[in-house]
Amino acid sequence: MRQLRGTPLKRFLRDWRKTHPLELDLALVLQSVAYPANVGSLFRIADAVRVSKMFLCGITPTPPSATISKVGRDKHHDVKWYYEPHTEDALRILRQEGYTICALELTDLSRPYFEVEYPPRLCLVVGNEDHGVTRGALALCDMAVFVPMYGSGQSLNVHVCTAVVLYHALYQRYTRIKGEM
């Protein structure tokens, strides 16, 4: 076994995408995600799962930002993003476009991320590192999911949880379409 670099890596990824097409239209809403490093990581994740649009809302820092660029490896140039001061307005736009709105938040109705059947058009809403998704935004969500914690901590970093949920949604759609579930 050997690591792939350069042209062999590009060919490997190109061939993988050809045989494993995306079967999910993803949108991402960042509600007052305060730390530029988290925003940069979320841009990188959004690019990796090919998020079709990303809304940066409230106090979420926006590009240009040295930290967002560095941590996100300049993926803010590849991901279609918008700044919308009010999260609720971004959610209304996405609902009109046919997205099912899912909060990544602990609520009285939240379900573990792996117990949910994700629709083909999914918008994931992630909130502030300390305060989460607001009540106003939650009121516009169709569902809420969480990443279970088995240790003493109450949560993972916002970009880690986002990656877990988005990759699970992609895997679930892929296996459902391939008939492997």
C-alpha atoms as a PDB file:
ATOM      1  CA  MET A   1       0.000   0.000   0.000  1.00  0.00           C
ATOM      2  CA  ARG A   2       1.250   3.474  -0.831  1.00  0.00           C
ATOM      3  CA  GLN A   3      -0.068   6.951  -0.354  1.00  0.00           C
ATOM      4  CA  LEU A   4      -1.459   8.724  -3.403  1.00  0.00           C
ATOM      5  CA  ARG A   5      -0.145  12.165  -4.277  1.00  0.00           C
ATOM      6  CA  GLY A   6      -0.366  14.537  -7.230  1.00  0.00           C
ATOM      7  CA  THR A   7      -1.836  13.166 -10.450  1.00  0.00           C
ATOM      8  CA  PRO A   8      -2.603   9.647  -9.105  1.00  0.00           C
ATOM      9  CA  LEU A   9      -4.596  11.236  -6.260  1.00  0.00           C
ATOM     10  CA  LYS A  10      -6.533  13.461  -8.669  1.00  0.00           C
ATOM     11  CA  ARG A  11      -7.333  10.453 -10.888  1.00  0.00           C
ATOM     12  CA  PHE A  12      -8.420   8.373  -7.888  1.00  0.00           C
ATOM     13  CA  LEU A  13     -10.838  11.076  -6.679  1.00  0.00           C
ATOM     14  CA  ARG A  14     -12.147  11.742 -10.205  1.00  0.00           C
ATOM     15  CA  ASP A  15     -12.838   8.029 -10.747  1.00  0.00           C
ATOM     16  CA  TRP A  16     -14.502   7.738  -7.315  1.00  0.00           C
ATOM     17  CA  ARG A  17     -16.865  10.624  -8.130  1.00  0.00           C
ATOM     18  CA  LYS A  18     -17.785   9.034 -11.466  1.00  0.00           C
ATOM     19  CA  THR A  19     -18.791   5.737  -9.854  1.00  0.00           C
ATOM     20  CA  HIS A  20     -20.350   7.280  -6.727  1.00  0.00           C
ATOM     21  CA  PRO A  21     -22.429  10.295  -7.830  1.00  0.00           C
ATOM     22  CA  LEU A  22     -23.969  12.613  -5.268  1.00  0.00           C
ATOM     23  CA  GLU A  23     -27.640  11.887  -4.729  1.00  0.00           C
ATOM     24  CA  LEU A  24     -28.312  14.669  -2.236  1.00  0.00           C
ATOM     25  CA  ASP A  25     -28.697  18.436  -2.575  1.00  0.00           C
ATOM     26  CA  LEU A  26     -27.255  19.998   0.563  1.00  0.00           C
ATOM     27  CA  ALA A  27     -27.507  23.511   1.956  1.00  0.00           C
ATOM     28  CA  LEU A  28     -25.850  24.739   5.126  1.00  0.00           C
ATOM     29  CA  VAL A  29     -26.864  27.614   7.407  1.00  0.00           C
ATOM     30  CA  LEU A  30     -24.411  28.939   9.992  1.00  0.00           C
ATOM     31  CA  GLN A  31     -26.270  30.855  12.674  1.00  0.00           C
ATOM     32  CA  SER A  32     -23.827  33.112  14.504  1.00  0.00           C
ATOM     33  CA  VAL A  33     -20.950  30.629  14.411  1.00  0.00           C
ATOM     34  CA  ALA A  34     -18.528  33.024  16.096  1.00  0.00           C
ATOM     35  CA  TYR A  35     -15.038  31.643  15.540  1.00  0.00           C
ATOM     36  CA  PRO A  36     -13.351  32.156  12.157  1.00  0.00           C
ATOM     37  CA  ALA A  37     -11.509  28.823  12.509  1.00  0.00           C
ATOM     38  CA  ASN A  38     -14.850  27.021  12.757  1.00  0.00           C
ATOM     39  CA  VAL A  39     -16.182  28.925   9.748  1.00  0.00           C
ATOM     40  CA  GLY A  40     -13.070  27.980   7.756  1.00  0.00           C
ATOM     41  CA  SER A  41     -13.494  24.326   8.728  1.00  0.00           C
ATOM     42  CA  LEU A  42     -17.150  24.476   7.730  1.00  0.00           C
ATOM     43  CA  PHE A  43     -16.218  25.866   4.308  1.00  0.00           C
ATOM     44  CA  ARG A  44     -13.823  22.962   3.847  1.00  0.00           C
ATOM     45  CA  ILE A  45     -16.498  20.452   4.863  1.00  0.00           C
ATOM     46  CA  ALA A  46     -19.072  22.189   2.635  1.00  0.00           C
ATOM     47  CA  ASP A  47     -16.729  21.812  -0.318  1.00  0.00           C
ATOM     48  CA  ALA A  48     -16.011  18.163   0.520  1.00  0.00           C
ATOM     49  CA  VAL A  49     -19.705  17.183   0.436  1.00  0.00           C
ATOM     50  CA  ARG A  50     -20.524  19.659  -2.337  1.00  0.00           C
ATOM     51  CA  VAL A  51     -22.947  21.901  -0.445  1.00  0.00           C
ATOM     52  CA  SER A  52     -24.849  23.809  -3.133  1.00  0.00           C
ATOM     53  CA  LYS A  53     -25.318  26.944  -1.024  1.00  0.00           C
ATOM     54  CA  MET A  54     -24.216  28.157   2.364  1.00  0.00           C
ATOM     55  CA  PHE A  55     -25.710  31.026   4.355  1.00  0.00           C
ATOM     56  CA  LEU A  56     -23.575  32.862   6.918  1.00  0.00           C
ATOM     57  CA  CYS A  57     -25.954  34.560   9.327  1.00  0.00           C
ATOM     58  CA  GLY A  58     -25.885  36.865  12.317  1.00  0.00           C
ATOM     59  CA  ILE A  59     -22.401  37.404  13.763  1.00  0.00           C
ATOM     60  CA  THR A  60     -20.795  34.665  11.660  1.00  0.00           C
ATOM     61  CA  PRO A  61     -17.553  36.096  10.239  1.00  0.00           C
ATOM     62  CA  THR A  62     -17.383  36.213   6.458  1.00  0.00           C
ATOM     63  CA  PRO A  63     -14.583  36.143   3.924  1.00  0.00           C
ATOM     64  CA  PRO A  64     -12.260  37.828   3.346  1.00  0.00           C
ATOM     65  CA  SER A  65     -10.627  36.644   6.552  1.00  0.00           C
ATOM     66  CA  ALA A  66      -7.097  35.313   6.920  1.00  0.00           C
ATOM     67  CA  THR A  67      -8.226  32.625   9.379  1.00  0.00           C
ATOM     68  CA  ILE A  68     -11.179  31.480   7.256  1.00  0.00           C
ATOM     69  CA  SER A  69      -8.902  31.316   4.202  1.00  0.00           C
ATOM     70  CA  LYS A  70      -6.119  29.435   5.963  1.00  0.00           C
ATOM     71  CA  VAL A  71      -8.222  26.917   7.874  1.00  0.00           C
ATOM     72  CA  GLY A  72     -10.666  26.488   4.991  1.00  0.00           C
ATOM     73  CA  ARG A  73      -7.885  26.170   2.399  1.00  0.00           C
ATOM     74  CA  ASP A  74      -9.579  28.936   0.381  1.00  0.00           C
ATOM     75  CA  LYS A  75     -12.694  26.807  -0.171  1.00  0.00           C
ATOM     76  CA  HIS A  76     -14.823  29.948   0.246  1.00  0.00           C
ATOM     77  CA  HIS A  77     -13.929  30.520  -3.420  1.00  0.00           C
ATOM     78  CA  ASP A  78     -15.474  27.158  -4.392  1.00  0.00           C
ATOM     79  CA  VAL A  79     -18.607  27.118  -2.211  1.00  0.00           C
ATOM     80  CA  LYS A  80     -21.504  29.392  -3.149  1.00  0.00           C
ATOM     81  CA  TRP A  81     -22.100  31.433  -0.004  1.00  0.00           C
ATOM     82  CA  TYR A  82     -24.270  34.344   1.025  1.00  0.00           C
ATOM     83  CA  TYR A  83     -24.429  36.604   4.033  1.00  0.00           C
ATOM     84  CA  GLU A  84     -27.916  36.987   5.472  1.00  0.00           C
ATOM     85  CA  PRO A  85     -28.203  38.980   8.724  1.00  0.00           C
ATOM     86  CA  HIS A  86     -31.337  37.140   9.847  1.00  0.00           C
ATOM     87  CA  THR A  87     -31.245  33.347   9.954  1.00  0.00           C
ATOM     88  CA  GLU A  88     -35.012  33.138   9.680  1.00  0.00           C
ATOM     89  CA  ASP A  89     -34.887  34.909   6.296  1.00  0.00           C
ATOM     90  CA  ALA A  90     -32.297  32.421   5.007  1.00  0.00           C
ATOM     91  CA  LEU A  91     -34.471  29.518   6.198  1.00  0.00           C
ATOM     92  CA  ARG A  92     -37.547  30.950   4.465  1.00  0.00           C
ATOM     93  CA  ILE A  93     -35.586  31.246   1.201  1.00  0.00           C
ATOM     94  CA  LEU A  94     -34.414  27.629   1.472  1.00  0.00           C
ATOM     95  CA  ARG A  95     -37.910  26.370   2.324  1.00  0.00           C
ATOM     96  CA  GLN A  96     -39.272  28.121  -0.793  1.00  0.00           C
ATOM     97  CA  GLU A  97     -36.580  26.277  -2.770  1.00  0.00           C
ATOM     98  CA  GLY A  98     -37.857  22.955  -1.455  1.00  0.00           C
ATOM     99  CA  TYR A  99     -35.304  22.141   1.236  1.00  0.00           C
ATOM    100  CA  THR A 100     -36.230  20.239   4.375  1.00  0.00           C
ATOM    101  CA  ILE A 101     -34.771  22.214   7.280  1.00  0.00           C
ATOM    102  CA  CYS A 102     -32.918  20.238   9.947  1.00  0.00           C
ATOM    103  CA  ALA A 103     -31.327  21.769  13.049  1.00  0.00           C
ATOM    104  CA  LEU A 104     -28.206  20.212  14.518  1.00  0.00           C
ATOM    105  CA  GLU A 105     -29.274  20.909  18.081  1.00  0.00           C
ATOM    106  CA  LEU A 106     -30.349  19.262  21.299  1.00  0.00           C
ATOM    107  CA  THR A 107     -34.086  19.834  21.729  1.00  0.00           C
ATOM    108  CA  ASP A 108     -36.939  17.932  23.326  1.00  0.00           C
ATOM    109  CA  LEU A 109     -37.712  16.473  19.876  1.00  0.00           C
ATOM    110  CA  SER A 110     -34.148  15.814  18.643  1.00  0.00           C
ATOM    111  CA  ARG A 111     -33.294  12.378  17.331  1.00  0.00           C
ATOM    112  CA  PRO A 112     -29.868  10.791  16.996  1.00  0.00           C
ATOM    113  CA  TYR A 113     -28.480  11.679  13.557  1.00  0.00           C
ATOM    114  CA  PHE A 114     -28.305   8.003  12.534  1.00  0.00           C
ATOM    115  CA  GLU A 115     -32.023   7.357  13.208  1.00  0.00           C
ATOM    116  CA  VAL A 116     -33.308   9.940  10.727  1.00  0.00           C
ATOM    117  CA  GLU A 117     -34.190   9.322   7.098  1.00  0.00           C
ATOM    118  CA  TYR A 118     -32.781  12.310   5.232  1.00  0.00           C
ATOM    119  CA  PRO A 119     -34.660  13.769   2.245  1.00  0.00           C
ATOM    120  CA  PRO A 120     -33.012  14.446  -1.127  1.00  0.00           C
ATOM    121  CA  ARG A 121     -32.938  18.236  -0.454  1.00  0.00           C
ATOM    122  CA  LEU A 122     -31.559  18.881   3.000  1.00  0.00           C
ATOM    123  CA  CYS A 123     -30.599  22.096   4.763  1.00  0.00           C
ATOM    124  CA  LEU A 124     -28.600  21.660   7.954  1.00  0.00           C
ATOM    125  CA  VAL A 125     -28.677  24.546  10.438  1.00  0.00           C
ATOM    126  CA  VAL A 126     -25.784  24.813  12.878  1.00  0.00           C
ATOM    127  CA  GLY A 127     -25.682  27.333  15.675  1.00  0.00           C
ATOM    128  CA  ASN A 128     -23.380  29.350  17.841  1.00  0.00           C
ATOM    129  CA  GLU A 129     -20.654  27.447  19.669  1.00  0.00           C
ATOM    130  CA  ASP A 130     -22.037  28.435  23.094  1.00  0.00           C
ATOM    131  CA  HIS A 131     -25.759  29.090  22.550  1.00  0.00           C
ATOM    132  CA  GLY A 132     -26.699  26.792  19.670  1.00  0.00           C
ATOM    133  CA  VAL A 133     -29.614  27.397  17.305  1.00  0.00           C
ATOM    134  CA  THR A 134     -32.065  30.068  18.489  1.00  0.00           C
ATOM    135  CA  ARG A 135     -35.740  29.471  19.265  1.00  0.00           C
ATOM    136  CA  GLY A 136     -36.752  31.593  16.281  1.00  0.00           C
ATOM    137  CA  ALA A 137     -34.734  29.443  13.893  1.00  0.00           C
ATOM    138  CA  LEU A 138     -35.855  26.206  15.572  1.00  0.00           C
ATOM    139  CA  ALA A 139     -39.475  27.249  14.993  1.00  0.00           C
ATOM    140  CA  LEU A 140     -38.784  27.112  11.238  1.00  0.00           C
ATOM    141  CA  CYS A 141     -37.085  23.694  11.310  1.00  0.00           C
ATOM    142  CA  ASP A 142     -38.791  20.480  10.240  1.00  0.00           C
ATOM    143  CA  MET A 143     -36.642  18.317  12.489  1.00  0.00           C
ATOM    144  CA  ALA A 144     -33.633  18.324  14.785  1.00  0.00           C
ATOM    145  CA  VAL A 145     -30.792  15.836  15.136  1.00  0.00           C
ATOM    146  CA  PHE A 146     -27.927  15.418  17.560  1.00  0.00           C
ATOM    147  CA  VAL A 147     -24.662  13.520  17.823  1.00  0.00           C
ATOM    148  CA  PRO A 148     -24.806  11.315  20.951  1.00  0.00           C
ATOM    149  CA  MET A 149     -22.074  11.826  23.510  1.00  0.00           C
ATOM    150  CA  TYR A 150     -20.937   8.775  25.482  1.00  0.00           C
ATOM    151  CA  GLY A 151     -18.152  10.427  27.458  1.00  0.00           C
ATOM    152  CA  SER A 152     -18.276  13.212  30.023  1.00  0.00           C
ATOM    153  CA  GLY A 153     -18.430  16.023  27.434  1.00  0.00           C
ATOM    154  CA  GLN A 154     -21.753  17.449  26.346  1.00  0.00           C
ATOM    155  CA  SER A 155     -20.862  18.180  22.730  1.00  0.00           C
ATOM    156  CA  LEU A 156     -18.268  18.087  19.969  1.00  0.00           C
ATOM    157  CA  ASN A 157     -17.021  21.084  18.047  1.00  0.00           C
ATOM    158  CA  VAL A 158     -19.605  22.517  15.636  1.00  0.00           C
ATOM    159  CA  HIS A 159     -17.615  21.621  12.524  1.00  0.00           C
ATOM    160  CA  VAL A 160     -17.009  18.056  13.723  1.00  0.00           C
ATOM    161  CA  CYS A 161     -20.722  17.460  14.366  1.00  0.00           C
ATOM    162  CA  THR A 162     -21.589  19.005  11.016  1.00  0.00           C
ATOM    163  CA  ALA A 163     -19.186  16.683   9.204  1.00  0.00           C
ATOM    164  CA  VAL A 164     -20.578  13.630  11.012  1.00  0.00           C
ATOM    165  CA  VAL A 165     -24.180  14.458  10.069  1.00  0.00           C
ATOM    166  CA  LEU A 166     -23.539  15.515   6.463  1.00  0.00           C
ATOM    167  CA  TYR A 167     -21.395  12.487   5.660  1.00  0.00           C
ATOM    168  CA  HIS A 168     -23.978  10.194   7.247  1.00  0.00           C
ATOM    169  CA  ALA A 169     -26.726  11.797   5.139  1.00  0.00           C
ATOM    170  CA  LEU A 170     -24.628  11.276   1.989  1.00  0.00           C
ATOM    171  CA  TYR A 171     -23.906   7.670   2.894  1.00  0.00           C
ATOM    172  CA  GLN A 172     -27.565   6.994   3.673  1.00  0.00           C
ATOM    173  CA  ARG A 173     -28.760   8.424   0.350  1.00  0.00           C
ATOM    174  CA  TYR A 174     -26.053   6.564  -1.554  1.00  0.00           C
ATOM    175  CA  THR A 175     -26.844   3.196   0.013  1.00  0.00           C
ATOM    176  CA  ARG A 176     -30.606   3.724  -0.367  1.00  0.00           C
ATOM    177  CA  ILE A 177     -30.212   4.441  -4.068  1.00  0.00           C
ATOM    178  CA  LYS A 178     -27.847   1.501  -4.536  1.00  0.00           C
ATOM    179  CA  GLY A 179     -30.310  -0.748  -2.685  1.00  0.00           C
ATOM    180  CA  GLU A 180     -27.784  -1.776  -0.057  1.00  0.00           C
ATOM    181  CA  MET A 181     -29.816  -0.688   2.985  1.00  0.00           C
END
